[in-house]
Amino acid sequence: MDYMETPEELKKQPDVIKLINIVGGNDAAIKNAMWSFWNFAHAFDDLIDEVQWPVERKERAFKALHDFVQDLLVNPFVVANNKSMLAMFTMALTRCLDGDKMALSADPKERALAPAVRCGDIDVLMHMIYLARGWPGLREWSGMRKYDVCTEETATTAAS
């Protein structure tokens, strides 16, 4: 089930699915673009609203989202490497979920691995370095993997 298909979200905007189907017609690409945007926009906004950030931090979060989306759509480097970038983004997202689950494990060895599993964002950056600078650049910047050292306690707290 998608984010905007839950009963609580459907109550808020019951006609959007109909609208998307009318506008998209038989074009699955249009419908998917509209639907994925709708789901993401509401999930992102709800996450920001739930943490009740101050206005300035919320502004920075939406600016970060804008900049990221802009790069996904028009940055020549990203566009030229879109297939491998999609794979890396997908892996980073699933690693966050898997690492959070591992942090809640009863097994201390699994909990100890959670921070390393969770940190897929560095793999995305390392992949970009590889695409831009090849093997030598990747090896030159490999020390970046140490940027996010955290303890088992921090990992467990982050997952809850």
C-alpha atoms as a PDB file:
ATOM      1  CA  MET A   1       0.000   0.000   0.000  1.00  0.00           C
ATOM      2  CA  ASP A   2       1.327   3.418  -0.913  1.00  0.00           C
ATOM      3  CA  TYR A   3       1.513   6.253   1.612  1.00  0.00           C
ATOM      4  CA  MET A   4      -1.488   8.094   0.196  1.00  0.00           C
ATOM      5  CA  GLU A   5      -3.620   4.934   0.043  1.00  0.00           C
ATOM      6  CA  THR A   6      -3.945   4.626   3.816  1.00  0.00           C
ATOM      7  CA  PRO A   7      -7.446   5.351   5.136  1.00  0.00           C
ATOM      8  CA  GLU A   8      -6.296   8.426   7.082  1.00  0.00           C
ATOM      9  CA  GLU A   9      -4.642   9.978   4.014  1.00  0.00           C
ATOM     10  CA  LEU A  10      -7.487   9.048   1.649  1.00  0.00           C
ATOM     11  CA  LYS A  11      -9.877  10.890   3.978  1.00  0.00           C
ATOM     12  CA  LYS A  12      -7.852  14.088   3.567  1.00  0.00           C
ATOM     13  CA  GLN A  13      -7.686  13.976  -0.249  1.00  0.00           C
ATOM     14  CA  PRO A  14     -10.273  11.463  -1.529  1.00  0.00           C
ATOM     15  CA  ASP A  15     -10.400  12.718  -5.133  1.00  0.00           C
ATOM     16  CA  VAL A  16      -6.714  12.901  -6.018  1.00  0.00           C
ATOM     17  CA  ILE A  17      -6.498   9.336  -7.344  1.00  0.00           C
ATOM     18  CA  LYS A  18      -9.443  10.071  -9.657  1.00  0.00           C
ATOM     19  CA  LEU A  19      -7.782  13.290 -10.805  1.00  0.00           C
ATOM     20  CA  ILE A  20      -4.493  11.515 -11.546  1.00  0.00           C
ATOM     21  CA  ASN A  21      -6.302   8.824 -13.538  1.00  0.00           C
ATOM     22  CA  ILE A  22      -8.208  11.435 -15.550  1.00  0.00           C
ATOM     23  CA  VAL A  23      -5.149  13.582 -16.279  1.00  0.00           C
ATOM     24  CA  GLY A  24      -2.878  10.611 -16.947  1.00  0.00           C
ATOM     25  CA  GLY A  25      -5.423   8.766 -19.042  1.00  0.00           C
ATOM     26  CA  ASN A  26      -3.718   5.748 -20.603  1.00  0.00           C
ATOM     27  CA  ASP A  27      -0.221   7.146 -20.077  1.00  0.00           C
ATOM     28  CA  ALA A  28       1.302   5.179 -17.204  1.00  0.00           C
ATOM     29  CA  ALA A  29       4.376   7.458 -17.113  1.00  0.00           C
ATOM     30  CA  ILE A  30       2.259  10.546 -16.418  1.00  0.00           C
ATOM     31  CA  LYS A  31       0.176   8.753 -13.795  1.00  0.00           C
ATOM     32  CA  ASN A  32       3.268   7.338 -12.086  1.00  0.00           C
ATOM     33  CA  ALA A  33       5.017  10.719 -12.038  1.00  0.00           C
ATOM     34  CA  MET A  34       1.980  12.380 -10.490  1.00  0.00           C
ATOM     35  CA  TRP A  35       1.308   9.565  -8.004  1.00  0.00           C
ATOM     36  CA  SER A  36       4.915   9.168  -6.852  1.00  0.00           C
ATOM     37  CA  PHE A  37       5.205  12.920  -6.367  1.00  0.00           C
ATOM     38  CA  TRP A  38       1.929  13.023  -4.413  1.00  0.00           C
ATOM     39  CA  ASN A  39       3.034  10.186  -2.116  1.00  0.00           C
ATOM     40  CA  PHE A  40       6.484  11.596  -1.514  1.00  0.00           C
ATOM     41  CA  ALA A  41       5.355  15.193  -0.965  1.00  0.00           C
ATOM     42  CA  HIS A  42       2.859  14.162   1.700  1.00  0.00           C
ATOM     43  CA  ALA A  43       5.193  11.699   3.412  1.00  0.00           C
ATOM     44  CA  PHE A  44       7.979  14.288   3.548  1.00  0.00           C
ATOM     45  CA  ASP A  45       5.672  17.023   4.827  1.00  0.00           C
ATOM     46  CA  ASP A  46       4.173  14.710   7.461  1.00  0.00           C
ATOM     47  CA  LEU A  47       7.634  13.693   8.676  1.00  0.00           C
ATOM     48  CA  ILE A  48       8.686  17.323   9.004  1.00  0.00           C
ATOM     49  CA  ASP A  49       5.433  18.285  10.734  1.00  0.00           C
ATOM     50  CA  GLU A  50       5.659  15.356  13.188  1.00  0.00           C
ATOM     51  CA  VAL A  51       9.059  16.394  14.518  1.00  0.00           C
ATOM     52  CA  GLN A  52       7.829  19.973  14.950  1.00  0.00           C
ATOM     53  CA  TRP A  53      11.016  21.595  13.746  1.00  0.00           C
ATOM     54  CA  PRO A  54      11.387  25.360  14.028  1.00  0.00           C
ATOM     55  CA  VAL A  55      10.503  27.307  10.888  1.00  0.00           C
ATOM     56  CA  GLU A  56      14.173  27.868   9.936  1.00  0.00           C
ATOM     57  CA  ARG A  57      15.028  24.162  10.069  1.00  0.00           C
ATOM     58  CA  LYS A  58      11.899  23.257   8.114  1.00  0.00           C
ATOM     59  CA  GLU A  59      12.916  25.836   5.485  1.00  0.00           C
ATOM     60  CA  ARG A  60      16.378  24.218   5.227  1.00  0.00           C
ATOM     61  CA  ALA A  61      14.813  20.755   4.877  1.00  0.00           C
ATOM     62  CA  PHE A  62      12.557  21.833   2.020  1.00  0.00           C
ATOM     63  CA  LYS A  63      15.465  23.666   0.358  1.00  0.00           C
ATOM     64  CA  ALA A  64      17.547  20.473   0.608  1.00  0.00           C
ATOM     65  CA  LEU A  65      14.716  18.534  -1.009  1.00  0.00           C
ATOM     66  CA  HIS A  66      14.427  21.155  -3.768  1.00  0.00           C
ATOM     67  CA  ASP A  67      18.144  21.032  -4.504  1.00  0.00           C
ATOM     68  CA  PHE A  68      18.171  17.231  -4.594  1.00  0.00           C
ATOM     69  CA  VAL A  69      15.159  17.020  -6.908  1.00  0.00           C
ATOM     70  CA  GLN A  70      16.638  19.686  -9.157  1.00  0.00           C
ATOM     71  CA  ASP A  71      19.839  17.670  -9.478  1.00  0.00           C
ATOM     72  CA  LEU A  72      17.908  14.480 -10.179  1.00  0.00           C
ATOM     73  CA  LEU A  73      16.073  16.181 -13.006  1.00  0.00           C
ATOM     74  CA  VAL A  74      18.662  18.405 -14.684  1.00  0.00           C
ATOM     75  CA  ASN A  75      22.191  17.818 -13.402  1.00  0.00           C
ATOM     76  CA  PRO A  76      24.109  16.439 -16.432  1.00  0.00           C
ATOM     77  CA  PHE A  77      26.272  14.157 -14.242  1.00  0.00           C
ATOM     78  CA  VAL A  78      23.220  12.596 -12.575  1.00  0.00           C
ATOM     79  CA  VAL A  79      21.248  12.336 -15.803  1.00  0.00           C
ATOM     80  CA  ALA A  80      24.183  10.657 -17.577  1.00  0.00           C
ATOM     81  CA  ASN A  81      24.529   8.112 -14.749  1.00  0.00           C
ATOM     82  CA  ASN A  82      20.853   7.778 -13.823  1.00  0.00           C
ATOM     83  CA  LYS A  83      20.604   3.977 -13.918  1.00  0.00           C
ATOM     84  CA  SER A  84      23.544   3.289 -11.644  1.00  0.00           C
ATOM     85  CA  MET A  85      22.554   6.216  -9.403  1.00  0.00           C
ATOM     86  CA  LEU A  86      19.043   4.798  -9.024  1.00  0.00           C
ATOM     87  CA  ALA A  87      20.524   1.470  -7.955  1.00  0.00           C
ATOM     88  CA  MET A  88      22.739   3.172  -5.378  1.00  0.00           C
ATOM     89  CA  PHE A  89      19.890   5.342  -4.017  1.00  0.00           C
ATOM     90  CA  THR A  90      17.738   2.228  -3.694  1.00  0.00           C
ATOM     91  CA  MET A  91      20.446   0.355  -1.820  1.00  0.00           C
ATOM     92  CA  ALA A  92      21.004   3.299   0.548  1.00  0.00           C
ATOM     93  CA  LEU A  93      17.292   3.486   1.341  1.00  0.00           C
ATOM     94  CA  THR A  94      16.982  -0.236   2.017  1.00  0.00           C
ATOM     95  CA  ARG A  95      20.140  -0.185   4.120  1.00  0.00           C
ATOM     96  CA  CYS A  96      18.569   2.466   6.375  1.00  0.00           C
ATOM     97  CA  LEU A  97      15.571   0.222   6.973  1.00  0.00           C
ATOM     98  CA  ASP A  98      17.668  -2.921   7.420  1.00  0.00           C
ATOM     99  CA  GLY A  99      20.111  -1.196   9.778  1.00  0.00           C
ATOM    100  CA  ASP A 100      17.287   0.162  11.923  1.00  0.00           C
ATOM    101  CA  LYS A 101      15.805  -3.349  12.158  1.00  0.00           C
ATOM    102  CA  MET A 102      19.190  -4.805  13.093  1.00  0.00           C
ATOM    103  CA  ALA A 103      19.616  -2.167  15.818  1.00  0.00           C
ATOM    104  CA  LEU A 104      16.509  -3.562  17.524  1.00  0.00           C
ATOM    105  CA  SER A 105      17.757  -7.157  17.469  1.00  0.00           C
ATOM    106  CA  ALA A 106      18.241  -9.139  20.672  1.00  0.00           C
ATOM    107  CA  ASP A 107      21.563 -10.345  19.244  1.00  0.00           C
ATOM    108  CA  PRO A 108      24.394  -7.967  20.270  1.00  0.00           C
ATOM    109  CA  LYS A 109      26.480  -8.962  17.230  1.00  0.00           C
ATOM    110  CA  GLU A 110      23.642  -7.956  14.913  1.00  0.00           C
ATOM    111  CA  ARG A 111      23.146  -4.675  16.801  1.00  0.00           C
ATOM    112  CA  ALA A 112      26.861  -3.947  16.466  1.00  0.00           C
ATOM    113  CA  LEU A 113      26.582  -4.253  12.658  1.00  0.00           C
ATOM    114  CA  ALA A 114      23.564  -1.935  12.458  1.00  0.00           C
ATOM    115  CA  PRO A 115      25.460   1.377  12.099  1.00  0.00           C
ATOM    116  CA  ALA A 116      27.566   0.056   9.226  1.00  0.00           C
ATOM    117  CA  VAL A 117      24.540  -1.375   7.461  1.00  0.00           C
ATOM    118  CA  ARG A 118      22.475   1.768   8.009  1.00  0.00           C
ATOM    119  CA  CYS A 119      25.037   4.126   6.491  1.00  0.00           C
ATOM    120  CA  GLY A 120      24.343   3.573   2.793  1.00  0.00           C
ATOM    121  CA  ASP A 121      24.576   7.292   2.122  1.00  0.00           C
ATOM    122  CA  ILE A 122      28.357   7.078   2.107  1.00  0.00           C
ATOM    123  CA  ASP A 123      28.164   4.356  -0.547  1.00  0.00           C
ATOM    124  CA  VAL A 124      26.165   6.728  -2.751  1.00  0.00           C
ATOM    125  CA  LEU A 125      28.873   9.375  -2.344  1.00  0.00           C
ATOM    126  CA  MET A 126      31.621   6.829  -2.955  1.00  0.00           C
ATOM    127  CA  HIS A 127      29.795   5.677  -6.093  1.00  0.00           C
ATOM    128  CA  MET A 128      29.651   9.271  -7.329  1.00  0.00           C
ATOM    129  CA  ILE A 129      33.368   9.651  -6.641  1.00  0.00           C
ATOM    130  CA  TYR A 130      34.030   6.475  -8.628  1.00  0.00           C
ATOM    131  CA  LEU A 131      31.902   7.678 -11.549  1.00  0.00           C
ATOM    132  CA  ALA A 132      33.637  11.070 -11.520  1.00  0.00           C
ATOM    133  CA  ARG A 133      37.231  10.075 -10.746  1.00  0.00           C
ATOM    134  CA  GLY A 134      37.505   6.305 -11.306  1.00  0.00           C
ATOM    135  CA  TRP A 135      39.399   3.846  -9.132  1.00  0.00           C
ATOM    136  CA  PRO A 136      42.152   6.319  -8.110  1.00  0.00           C
ATOM    137  CA  GLY A 137      39.590   8.832  -6.830  1.00  0.00           C
ATOM    138  CA  LEU A 138      37.668   6.109  -5.036  1.00  0.00           C
ATOM    139  CA  ARG A 139      40.797   4.947  -3.229  1.00  0.00           C
ATOM    140  CA  GLU A 140      41.898   8.507  -2.459  1.00  0.00           C
ATOM    141  CA  TRP A 141      38.615   9.275  -0.690  1.00  0.00           C
ATOM    142  CA  SER A 142      37.951   5.845   0.875  1.00  0.00           C
ATOM    143  CA  GLY A 143      38.736   7.249   4.326  1.00  0.00           C
ATOM    144  CA  MET A 144      35.366   9.014   4.170  1.00  0.00           C
ATOM    145  CA  ARG A 145      33.811   5.750   5.344  1.00  0.00           C
ATOM    146  CA  LYS A 146      34.899   6.622   8.891  1.00  0.00           C
ATOM    147  CA  TYR A 147      32.798   9.812   9.015  1.00  0.00           C
ATOM    148  CA  ASP A 148      29.874   8.377  10.960  1.00  0.00           C
ATOM    149  CA  VAL A 149      31.195   6.425  13.893  1.00  0.00           C
ATOM    150  CA  CYS A 150      28.510   5.655  16.420  1.00  0.00           C
ATOM    151  CA  THR A 151      28.086   3.350  19.364  1.00  0.00           C
ATOM    152  CA  GLU A 152      25.600   0.518  19.795  1.00  0.00           C
ATOM    153  CA  GLU A 153      23.662   2.791  22.174  1.00  0.00           C
ATOM    154  CA  THR A 154      23.317   5.524  19.541  1.00  0.00           C
ATOM    155  CA  ALA A 155      22.321   2.941  16.941  1.00  0.00           C
ATOM    156  CA  THR A 156      19.585   1.523  19.176  1.00  0.00           C
ATOM    157  CA  THR A 157      18.303   5.008  20.027  1.00  0.00           C
ATOM    158  CA  ALA A 158      18.224   6.017  16.353  1.00  0.00           C
ATOM    159  CA  ALA A 159      16.229   2.926  15.437  1.00  0.00           C
ATOM    160  CA  SER A 160      13.521   3.486  18.032  1.00  0.00           C
END
